[in-house]
Protein backbone atom coordinates (compact mmCIF):
# COMPACT_ATOMS: atom_id res chain seq x y z
CA MET A 1 -50.30 0.27 55.72
CA ASN A 2 -49.88 0.83 59.15
CA PRO A 3 -52.91 0.40 61.38
CA LEU A 4 -51.29 2.86 64.42
CA GLY A 5 -51.52 5.42 61.49
CA ALA A 6 -54.56 5.28 60.14
CA HIS A 7 -58.05 6.15 61.65
CA SER A 8 -60.38 3.31 62.44
CA SER A 9 -63.32 3.31 61.10
CA ARG A 10 -64.70 1.61 64.55
CA ARG A 11 -66.11 3.47 67.24
CA PRO A 12 -64.49 3.74 70.35
CA SER A 13 -65.96 1.28 72.78
CA PRO A 14 -68.08 3.20 75.64
CA VAL A 15 -66.06 1.23 78.45
CA VAL A 16 -62.65 2.48 77.10
CA GLN A 17 -64.13 5.99 76.14
CA SER A 18 -65.54 6.50 79.44
CA ILE A 19 -61.76 6.91 80.94
CA PHE A 20 -61.47 10.40 79.01
CA ASN A 21 -64.77 11.75 80.64
CA GLY A 22 -62.98 12.00 84.16
CA ALA A 23 -59.19 12.83 83.09
CA PRO A 24 -57.94 16.16 83.38
CA GLU A 25 -58.86 18.93 80.92
CA ALA A 26 -55.09 19.53 79.64
CA PRO A 27 -54.38 16.26 78.86
CA GLN A 28 -58.17 14.92 77.59
CA SER A 29 -58.26 15.80 74.47
CA ARG A 30 -54.44 15.06 73.92
CA LEU A 31 -55.63 11.19 75.19
CA ARG A 32 -58.72 10.91 72.89
CA GLN A 33 -57.10 12.05 69.93
CA ILE A 34 -54.41 9.57 70.41
CA TYR A 35 -56.59 6.75 71.54
CA GLU A 36 -59.25 7.34 68.04
CA GLN A 37 -55.89 7.04 66.34
CA LEU A 38 -55.62 3.47 67.46
CA PRO A 39 -56.67 0.42 66.62
CA GLN A 40 -59.95 -0.76 68.98
CA THR A 41 -61.29 -4.57 68.87
CA PRO A 42 -62.08 -7.53 70.76
CA ASP A 43 -59.34 -9.70 69.23
CA LEU A 44 -56.81 -7.24 71.20
CA PRO A 45 -57.85 -7.78 74.78
CA ASP A 46 -54.27 -7.19 75.95
CA PHE A 47 -54.10 -3.56 74.23
CA ASN A 48 -57.66 -2.49 75.21
CA ALA A 49 -56.62 -2.66 79.01
CA PHE A 50 -53.14 -1.07 78.40
CA VAL A 51 -56.05 1.97 76.84
CA ALA A 52 -58.26 1.72 79.76
CA PHE A 53 -55.49 1.19 82.30
CA ALA A 54 -53.26 4.23 81.39
CA GLY A 55 -56.59 6.19 80.89
CA GLN A 56 -57.53 5.79 84.74
CA TRP A 57 -53.89 6.37 85.92
CA LEU A 58 -54.64 9.89 84.16
CA VAL A 59 -57.34 9.91 86.21
CA ASP A 60 -55.65 9.26 89.48
CA TYR A 61 -52.77 7.92 89.44
CA ARG A 62 -53.22 7.35 93.49
CA ALA A 63 -55.80 4.88 92.97
CA THR A 64 -53.92 2.67 89.81
CA ALA A 65 -50.46 3.33 90.96
CA SER A 66 -49.42 1.83 87.76
CA VAL A 67 -49.64 2.87 83.62
CA MET A 68 -49.77 -0.78 83.02
CA PRO A 69 -51.41 -3.67 84.11
CA SER A 70 -49.69 -6.06 85.73
CA SER A 71 -47.61 -8.69 83.51
CA PRO A 72 -48.48 -12.63 82.83
CA GLN A 73 -45.56 -13.17 84.94
CA LEU A 74 -46.03 -11.75 87.95
CA ALA A 75 -49.85 -12.72 87.37
CA ARG A 76 -49.20 -16.15 87.33
CA ALA A 77 -47.11 -16.04 90.59
CA MET A 78 -49.91 -14.55 92.36
CA VAL A 79 -52.63 -16.95 91.30
CA LEU A 80 -50.26 -19.82 92.34
CA PRO A 81 -50.14 -19.76 95.44
CA SER A 82 -54.43 -20.00 95.80
CA GLN A 83 -54.52 -22.60 93.06
CA MET A 84 -51.52 -25.02 94.56
CA ARG A 85 -54.14 -24.91 97.64
CA GLY A 86 -57.43 -26.09 94.99
CA ALA A 87 -58.96 -22.79 96.41
CA GLU A 88 -62.79 -22.78 95.59
CA THR A 89 -63.87 -19.13 97.19
CA VAL A 90 -61.39 -16.79 95.89
CA VAL A 91 -61.37 -12.95 96.84
CA GLU A 92 -59.76 -10.17 94.67
CA PHE A 93 -58.93 -6.91 95.41
CA GLY A 94 -58.29 -4.36 92.81
CA PRO A 95 -58.41 -6.69 89.66
CA GLY A 96 -58.14 -3.55 87.72
CA THR A 97 -58.93 -4.93 84.30
CA GLY A 98 -58.28 -8.10 84.61
CA PRO A 99 -54.74 -9.88 84.41
CA MET A 100 -55.25 -11.92 87.76
CA THR A 101 -58.90 -12.45 86.93
CA GLU A 102 -59.01 -14.10 84.27
CA LEU A 103 -56.16 -16.34 85.41
CA ILE A 104 -58.13 -17.26 88.87
CA LEU A 105 -61.04 -17.99 86.15
CA LYS A 106 -58.97 -20.41 84.37
CA GLY A 107 -57.92 -22.86 87.56
CA LEU A 108 -61.11 -22.05 89.44
CA PRO A 109 -63.08 -25.79 90.08
CA VAL A 110 -66.93 -25.13 88.04
CA SER A 111 -68.74 -24.67 91.27
CA GLY A 112 -66.43 -21.88 92.52
CA ASN A 113 -66.15 -18.93 93.42
CA LEU A 114 -64.43 -15.44 92.54
CA VAL A 115 -65.72 -12.50 94.70
CA SER A 116 -63.74 -9.24 93.16
CA LEU A 117 -64.02 -5.87 95.28
CA GLU A 118 -62.97 -2.98 92.63
CA ILE A 119 -63.62 0.48 93.50
CA ASN A 120 -63.40 2.07 89.98
CA PRO A 121 -66.59 2.22 88.10
CA VAL A 122 -65.10 2.10 84.80
CA PHE A 123 -62.92 -1.11 85.78
CA VAL A 124 -65.98 -2.89 87.13
CA ASP A 125 -67.70 -2.48 83.84
CA TYR A 126 -64.38 -3.38 81.78
CA LEU A 127 -64.22 -6.21 83.64
CA ALA A 128 -68.71 -7.59 83.31
CA ALA A 129 -67.73 -6.85 80.13
CA ARG A 130 -64.67 -8.73 79.64
CA PHE A 131 -65.26 -11.69 81.31
CA PRO A 132 -69.07 -12.97 81.25
CA ASP A 133 -68.45 -16.12 83.67
CA PRO A 134 -71.65 -16.88 86.55
CA ARG A 135 -68.59 -17.83 88.52
CA LEU A 136 -66.92 -14.24 88.93
CA ARG A 137 -69.11 -11.50 90.92
CA VAL A 138 -67.74 -7.80 91.03
CA VAL A 139 -68.12 -5.94 93.87
CA PRO A 140 -68.01 -2.02 93.71
CA ALA A 141 -67.01 -1.67 96.75
CA GLY A 142 -63.35 -1.57 99.24
CA ALA A 143 -61.44 -4.58 100.12
CA GLU A 144 -62.04 -3.39 103.53
CA THR A 145 -65.11 -4.84 103.39
CA VAL A 146 -64.30 -8.08 102.35
CA CYS A 147 -66.09 -10.10 105.48
CA GLU A 148 -69.11 -7.94 104.98
CA VAL A 149 -69.19 -8.66 100.97
CA LEU A 150 -68.58 -12.36 101.47
CA ARG A 151 -71.26 -12.62 104.62
CA GLU A 152 -73.66 -10.97 101.65
CA TYR A 153 -72.82 -13.66 99.11
CA GLY A 154 -73.22 -16.21 101.35
CA HIS A 155 -69.37 -17.08 101.98
CA THR A 156 -68.78 -17.89 105.59
CA ALA A 157 -64.47 -17.65 104.15
CA ALA A 158 -62.13 -17.56 101.29
CA ASP A 159 -59.92 -20.54 100.74
CA ALA A 160 -57.56 -17.02 98.74
CA VAL A 161 -57.43 -13.46 98.68
CA ILE A 162 -55.22 -12.08 96.07
CA SER A 163 -54.44 -8.15 96.01
CA SER A 164 -53.10 -5.87 93.12
CA LEU A 165 -54.06 -2.89 95.53
CA PRO A 166 -51.11 -0.33 95.48
CA LEU A 167 -50.98 0.03 99.59
CA SER A 168 -47.81 2.09 99.30
CA PHE A 169 -50.23 4.45 98.54
CA PHE A 170 -52.34 4.46 101.42
CA GLY A 171 -53.22 5.62 104.76
CA THR A 172 -51.90 3.61 107.81
CA ASP A 173 -55.68 3.03 108.84
CA LEU A 174 -56.70 1.84 105.60
CA ARG A 175 -53.31 -0.36 105.18
CA HIS A 176 -54.65 -2.60 108.85
CA ARG A 177 -58.47 -2.21 107.73
CA ILE A 178 -57.70 -3.85 104.47
CA LEU A 179 -55.38 -6.48 106.14
CA SER A 180 -57.09 -7.66 109.16
CA GLY A 181 -60.45 -7.86 107.27
CA ALA A 182 -58.17 -10.35 105.25
CA ALA A 183 -56.87 -12.25 107.65
CA GLU A 184 -60.20 -12.64 109.35
CA SER A 185 -61.47 -13.30 105.75
CA LEU A 186 -59.41 -16.73 105.32
CA ALA A 187 -60.72 -19.76 105.59
CA PRO A 188 -58.01 -22.84 108.31
CA GLY A 189 -55.27 -23.41 105.73
CA GLY A 190 -55.80 -20.15 102.89
CA VAL A 191 -53.57 -17.67 101.43
CA PHE A 192 -53.25 -14.36 101.11
CA THR A 193 -51.03 -12.58 98.50
CA GLN A 194 -50.02 -9.17 97.48
CA PHE A 195 -47.01 -7.53 96.17
CA GLN A 196 -45.18 -4.61 95.60
CA TYR A 197 -43.02 -2.85 93.45
CA ALA A 198 -39.33 -3.20 94.12
CA SER A 199 -38.46 0.21 94.44
CA GLY A 200 -40.36 -0.08 98.26
CA LEU A 201 -41.48 3.74 98.10
CA ASP A 202 -43.85 4.17 100.19
CA CYS A 203 -46.18 7.29 98.96
CA SER A 204 -49.01 7.87 101.44
CA GLY A 205 -47.63 10.84 102.63
CA ARG A 206 -46.28 14.02 100.98
CA ILE A 207 -42.65 13.18 100.53
CA PRO A 208 -41.83 8.77 99.35
CA ARG A 209 -39.91 7.23 102.09
CA PHE A 210 -38.61 3.56 101.45
CA TYR A 211 -40.39 1.12 104.08
CA ASP A 212 -40.72 -2.57 103.90
CA LEU A 213 -44.08 -4.38 103.37
CA ARG A 214 -43.11 -7.84 105.34
CA PRO A 215 -43.28 -6.65 108.82
CA VAL A 216 -46.81 -4.58 108.28
CA LEU A 217 -48.15 -7.26 106.55
CA GLY A 218 -46.21 -9.60 109.75
CA ARG A 219 -48.72 -8.00 111.76
CA HIS A 220 -51.66 -10.03 110.67
CA PHE A 221 -50.36 -13.17 108.86
CA ARG A 222 -47.68 -15.43 111.35
CA ARG A 223 -46.33 -16.54 107.96
CA VAL A 224 -44.65 -14.32 105.52
CA ARG A 225 -42.49 -15.34 102.53
CA ARG A 226 -41.40 -13.16 99.27
CA HIS A 227 -39.52 -13.85 96.06
CA LEU A 228 -38.85 -10.68 93.09
CA VAL A 229 -40.78 -10.85 89.70
CA TRP A 230 -37.94 -9.68 87.65
CA LEU A 231 -40.19 -9.36 84.08
CA ASN A 232 -42.82 -6.54 85.33
CA LEU A 233 -42.31 -3.30 84.79
CA PRO A 234 -41.43 -2.36 87.04
CA PRO A 235 -40.32 -5.50 88.75
CA ALA A 236 -42.10 -6.74 91.83
CA PHE A 237 -42.11 -8.55 95.45
CA VAL A 238 -44.33 -11.07 95.90
CA TYR A 239 -45.67 -11.52 99.43
CA ILE A 240 -47.27 -15.30 99.88
CA CYS A 241 -49.16 -14.85 103.26
CA SER A 242 -50.90 -17.59 105.88
CA ASN A 243 -51.99 -18.18 109.21
CA GLY A 244 -51.53 -21.74 109.39
């Protein structure tokens, strides 16, 4: 029997089910019908992550920016620069359902710390349930507060900041505050990574326009390098930034 064509006897998990509570009324009932046809099991973390991520995209596409989580290839490209530097205190902006969180934790020392800033309460609950790791602290706060959050939890600086935020959907002032905070929070020799979809669209205004993220990052970091990851939907540029 095809499991996608039969009703599951399991009840939807509270975390994933909560994505429907704030969904627009029109697609909400149809989305729930589709979801109830699909198997819900802890053995399918990637599938459950897709359901949660897609649901939040329907609720607020500007905050989520993509209908799918980052691919494993994009996640590795984003996390590798911090691992190459042996980062022990890492900050993550906008972890979503945790494709990069998982990789960061795998490479983090036993004594390391990961502070993930996430404003979406559904993703906050999802991450806490998926990663019961004492090294991880999920903070429901905006990325622009990174310096205050680090001080609150006893850290003087971060060795790496990894950002999955959709900067192309943010206004100029918020972008500046986020990037300024990221640069200020880094320890000497620290690294900041950010990705941008290869379309290069700035969607912060009423009409999308093309823009290059490199000069935006260059106002805050002395060194900005980038490379393209094709195996992602859509393909994305990974920017590696530092002040060292």
